[in-house]
Amino acid sequence: MQLRKTRWSLYNLNYHFVWIPKYRRRVLVEDVTEELEKLIFEIGKKHEIEVLSLSVQPDHIHLFVSAPPRLSPAQIANLFKGVSSKKLMEKFPYLRTKEGLWSRTYYVGSAGTVSEETIRMYIEECQDM
C-alpha cells in the first residue's frame, strides 16, 4: 500500500470506474482507443489523479485510479467522462450524436483497506510534522 500526500493530508483512496458509450455502441476501437487512453492519462495528470489501471474495450471502459480527498467520486467520473467526450467528438466527428458520447450512468467502487498498522503509521507521521 502506498500512501499519497497533499499539502494537508495523507491518503489512500482508490476507485474503480466503469462507463459505457450511449446505447453500448462498440465505438472504442483503433484510433479512438489510442486517443482515449492518451486523454485519460492527461486528465489524470492535470488533476493529480493517478491512473493505476486502464482497460478500454469496444463498448466499455474500466478505470482504476487513486485520487486526492478533495475530489469526490462523482467529480472524478464527470472529469474523465466530460473532458474525454468533448475531445473525442472534436477529433472524431462521427462519434457525435445529439445525446452525447457517454451514457449518463457509471459504476464506481472503492478499493483499499485501512489496517491498524496504517493508522499507527499515519499518527506517527503526523507527530513529525
C-alpha atoms as a PDB file:
ATOM      1  CA  MET A   1       0.000   0.000   0.000  1.00  0.00           C
ATOM      2  CA  GLN A   2       1.288   3.412  -0.926  1.00  0.00           C
ATOM      3  CA  LEU A   3       0.194   6.488   0.961  1.00  0.00           C
ATOM      4  CA  ARG A   4      -0.040   9.624  -1.125  1.00  0.00           C
ATOM      5  CA  LYS A   5       0.215  13.184   0.113  1.00  0.00           C
ATOM      6  CA  THR A   6      -1.383  16.530  -0.453  1.00  0.00           C
ATOM      7  CA  ARG A   7      -0.361  19.613   1.431  1.00  0.00           C
ATOM      8  CA  TRP A   8      -2.823  18.835   4.228  1.00  0.00           C
ATOM      9  CA  SER A   9      -3.444  15.105   4.097  1.00  0.00           C
ATOM     10  CA  LEU A  10      -2.117  11.591   3.686  1.00  0.00           C
ATOM     11  CA  TYR A  11      -4.465   9.355   1.763  1.00  0.00           C
ATOM     12  CA  ASN A  12      -5.048   6.026   0.102  1.00  0.00           C
ATOM     13  CA  LEU A  13      -8.275   6.498  -1.869  1.00  0.00           C
ATOM     14  CA  ASN A  14      -8.672   4.159  -4.822  1.00  0.00           C
ATOM     15  CA  TYR A  15     -11.699   3.950  -7.091  1.00  0.00           C
ATOM     16  CA  HIS A  16     -12.752   1.576  -9.852  1.00  0.00           C
ATOM     17  CA  PHE A  17     -14.939   3.230 -12.520  1.00  0.00           C
ATOM     18  CA  VAL A  18     -16.783   1.611 -15.409  1.00  0.00           C
ATOM     19  CA  TRP A  19     -18.767   3.520 -18.021  1.00  0.00           C
ATOM     20  CA  ILE A  20     -20.175   2.873 -21.484  1.00  0.00           C
ATOM     21  CA  PRO A  21     -20.909   4.752 -24.710  1.00  0.00           C
ATOM     22  CA  LYS A  22     -24.562   5.645 -25.362  1.00  0.00           C
ATOM     23  CA  TYR A  23     -26.557   2.551 -26.327  1.00  0.00           C
ATOM     24  CA  ARG A  24     -23.411   0.490 -25.665  1.00  0.00           C
ATOM     25  CA  ARG A  25     -22.207   1.237 -29.199  1.00  0.00           C
ATOM     26  CA  ARG A  26     -18.941  -0.535 -29.996  1.00  0.00           C
ATOM     27  CA  VAL A  27     -17.068   2.633 -30.995  1.00  0.00           C
ATOM     28  CA  LEU A  28     -13.979   2.407 -28.755  1.00  0.00           C
ATOM     29  CA  VAL A  29     -11.712   0.818 -31.341  1.00  0.00           C
ATOM     30  CA  GLU A  30      -8.417   1.559 -33.109  1.00  0.00           C
ATOM     31  CA  ASP A  31      -7.619   5.299 -33.236  1.00  0.00           C
ATOM     32  CA  VAL A  32     -10.427   6.157 -30.813  1.00  0.00           C
ATOM     33  CA  THR A  33      -8.967   3.774 -28.223  1.00  0.00           C
ATOM     34  CA  GLU A  34      -5.480   5.232 -28.607  1.00  0.00           C
ATOM     35  CA  GLU A  35      -6.756   8.799 -28.275  1.00  0.00           C
ATOM     36  CA  LEU A  36      -8.975   7.921 -25.303  1.00  0.00           C
ATOM     37  CA  GLU A  37      -6.095   6.254 -23.449  1.00  0.00           C
ATOM     38  CA  LYS A  38      -3.920   9.315 -24.033  1.00  0.00           C
ATOM     39  CA  LEU A  39      -6.702  11.625 -22.829  1.00  0.00           C
ATOM     40  CA  ILE A  40      -7.329   9.592 -19.664  1.00  0.00           C
ATOM     41  CA  PHE A  41      -3.686   9.902 -18.627  1.00  0.00           C
ATOM     42  CA  GLU A  42      -3.606  13.641 -19.481  1.00  0.00           C
ATOM     43  CA  ILE A  43      -6.769  14.318 -17.458  1.00  0.00           C
ATOM     44  CA  GLY A  44      -5.368  12.339 -14.544  1.00  0.00           C
ATOM     45  CA  LYS A  45      -2.071  14.188 -14.574  1.00  0.00           C
ATOM     46  CA  LYS A  46      -3.756  17.598 -14.796  1.00  0.00           C
ATOM     47  CA  HIS A  47      -5.975  16.873 -11.772  1.00  0.00           C
ATOM     48  CA  GLU A  48      -3.414  14.948  -9.672  1.00  0.00           C
ATOM     49  CA  ILE A  49      -5.284  11.669 -10.153  1.00  0.00           C
ATOM     50  CA  GLU A  50      -3.010   8.661 -10.556  1.00  0.00           C
ATOM     51  CA  VAL A  51      -4.200   6.185 -13.171  1.00  0.00           C
ATOM     52  CA  LEU A  52      -3.406   2.770 -11.695  1.00  0.00           C
ATOM     53  CA  SER A  53      -5.005   0.674 -14.428  1.00  0.00           C
ATOM     54  CA  LEU A  54      -6.971   1.295 -17.616  1.00  0.00           C
ATOM     55  CA  SER A  55      -8.762  -1.130 -19.918  1.00  0.00           C
ATOM     56  CA  VAL A  56     -10.647   0.180 -22.953  1.00  0.00           C
ATOM     57  CA  GLN A  57     -12.989  -2.365 -24.547  1.00  0.00           C
ATOM     58  CA  PRO A  58     -15.039  -1.660 -27.694  1.00  0.00           C
ATOM     59  CA  ASP A  59     -18.177  -0.975 -25.620  1.00  0.00           C
ATOM     60  CA  HIS A  60     -16.955  -0.018 -22.128  1.00  0.00           C
ATOM     61  CA  ILE A  61     -14.080   1.327 -20.043  1.00  0.00           C
ATOM     62  CA  HIS A  62     -12.565   0.116 -16.760  1.00  0.00           C
ATOM     63  CA  LEU A  63     -10.535   2.770 -14.962  1.00  0.00           C
ATOM     64  CA  PHE A  64      -8.781   2.267 -11.617  1.00  0.00           C
ATOM     65  CA  VAL A  65      -7.449   5.454 -10.046  1.00  0.00           C
ATOM     66  CA  SER A  66      -6.064   6.917  -6.853  1.00  0.00           C
ATOM     67  CA  ALA A  67      -7.427  10.392  -6.215  1.00  0.00           C
ATOM     68  CA  PRO A  68      -6.915  13.066  -3.553  1.00  0.00           C
ATOM     69  CA  PRO A  69      -9.655  13.518  -0.945  1.00  0.00           C
ATOM     70  CA  ARG A  70     -10.714  16.912  -2.327  1.00  0.00           C
ATOM     71  CA  LEU A  71     -12.307  15.111  -5.294  1.00  0.00           C
ATOM     72  CA  SER A  72     -15.489  13.114  -4.834  1.00  0.00           C
ATOM     73  CA  PRO A  73     -16.089  10.017  -6.960  1.00  0.00           C
ATOM     74  CA  ALA A  74     -18.817  11.921  -8.844  1.00  0.00           C
ATOM     75  CA  GLN A  75     -16.389  14.747  -9.648  1.00  0.00           C
ATOM     76  CA  ILE A  76     -13.801  12.239 -10.877  1.00  0.00           C
ATOM     77  CA  ALA A  77     -16.310  10.480 -13.139  1.00  0.00           C
ATOM     78  CA  ASN A  78     -17.536  13.819 -14.508  1.00  0.00           C
ATOM     79  CA  LEU A  79     -13.966  14.956 -15.213  1.00  0.00           C
ATOM     80  CA  PHE A  80     -12.995  11.854 -17.161  1.00  0.00           C
ATOM     81  CA  LYS A  81     -16.305  11.473 -18.984  1.00  0.00           C
ATOM     82  CA  GLY A  82     -16.829  15.179 -19.741  1.00  0.00           C
ATOM     83  CA  VAL A  83     -13.363  16.063 -20.990  1.00  0.00           C
ATOM     84  CA  SER A  84     -12.899  12.830 -22.955  1.00  0.00           C
ATOM     85  CA  SER A  85     -16.313  13.181 -24.613  1.00  0.00           C
ATOM     86  CA  LYS A  86     -15.631  16.731 -25.756  1.00  0.00           C
ATOM     87  CA  LYS A  87     -12.138  15.970 -27.079  1.00  0.00           C
ATOM     88  CA  LEU A  88     -13.062  12.683 -28.778  1.00  0.00           C
ATOM     89  CA  MET A  89     -16.045  14.224 -30.589  1.00  0.00           C
ATOM     90  CA  GLU A  90     -13.838  17.114 -31.770  1.00  0.00           C
ATOM     91  CA  LYS A  91     -11.261  14.709 -33.179  1.00  0.00           C
ATOM     92  CA  PHE A  92     -13.728  12.064 -34.447  1.00  0.00           C
ATOM     93  CA  PRO A  93     -16.907  13.869 -35.616  1.00  0.00           C
ATOM     94  CA  TYR A  94     -18.638  10.580 -36.472  1.00  0.00           C
ATOM     95  CA  LEU A  95     -18.880   9.900 -32.704  1.00  0.00           C
ATOM     96  CA  ARG A  96     -21.113  12.949 -32.251  1.00  0.00           C
ATOM     97  CA  THR A  97     -24.771  12.294 -31.548  1.00  0.00           C
ATOM     98  CA  LYS A  98     -27.384  14.655 -30.164  1.00  0.00           C
ATOM     99  CA  GLU A  99     -27.414  12.562 -26.962  1.00  0.00           C
ATOM    100  CA  GLY A 100     -23.624  12.743 -26.469  1.00  0.00           C
ATOM    101  CA  LEU A 101     -20.932  10.070 -26.455  1.00  0.00           C
ATOM    102  CA  TRP A 102     -21.247   8.512 -22.999  1.00  0.00           C
ATOM    103  CA  SER A 103     -24.216   7.063 -21.179  1.00  0.00           C
ATOM    104  CA  ARG A 104     -25.202   9.189 -18.176  1.00  0.00           C
ATOM    105  CA  THR A 105     -24.620   6.248 -15.825  1.00  0.00           C
ATOM    106  CA  TYR A 106     -21.408   4.821 -14.433  1.00  0.00           C
ATOM    107  CA  TYR A 107     -20.253   2.334 -11.827  1.00  0.00           C
ATOM    108  CA  VAL A 108     -17.858   3.296  -9.045  1.00  0.00           C
ATOM    109  CA  GLY A 109     -16.465   1.086  -6.310  1.00  0.00           C
ATOM    110  CA  SER A 110     -13.927   1.972  -3.678  1.00  0.00           C
ATOM    111  CA  ALA A 111     -10.905  -0.198  -3.096  1.00  0.00           C
ATOM    112  CA  GLY A 112      -8.446  -0.272  -0.247  1.00  0.00           C
ATOM    113  CA  THR A 113      -8.288  -1.118   3.383  1.00  0.00           C
ATOM    114  CA  VAL A 114      -7.220   0.675   6.498  1.00  0.00           C
ATOM    115  CA  SER A 115      -5.318  -1.525   8.846  1.00  0.00           C
ATOM    116  CA  GLU A 116      -4.194  -0.839  12.387  1.00  0.00           C
ATOM    117  CA  GLU A 117      -0.658  -0.521  11.023  1.00  0.00           C
ATOM    118  CA  THR A 118      -1.763   2.185   8.556  1.00  0.00           C
ATOM    119  CA  ILE A 119      -3.467   4.195  11.279  1.00  0.00           C
ATOM    120  CA  ARG A 120      -0.433   3.876  13.565  1.00  0.00           C
ATOM    121  CA  MET A 121       1.893   4.978  10.742  1.00  0.00           C
ATOM    122  CA  TYR A 122      -0.350   7.973   9.995  1.00  0.00           C
ATOM    123  CA  ILE A 123      -0.374   9.058  13.641  1.00  0.00           C
ATOM    124  CA  GLU A 124       3.416   8.717  13.868  1.00  0.00           C
ATOM    125  CA  GLU A 125       3.950  10.751  10.675  1.00  0.00           C
ATOM    126  CA  CYS A 126       1.614  13.477  11.927  1.00  0.00           C
ATOM    127  CA  GLN A 127       3.677  13.829  15.120  1.00  0.00           C
ATOM    128  CA  ASP A 128       6.746  14.587  12.974  1.00  0.00           C
ATOM    129  CA  MET A 129       5.028  17.391  11.051  1.00  0.00           C
END
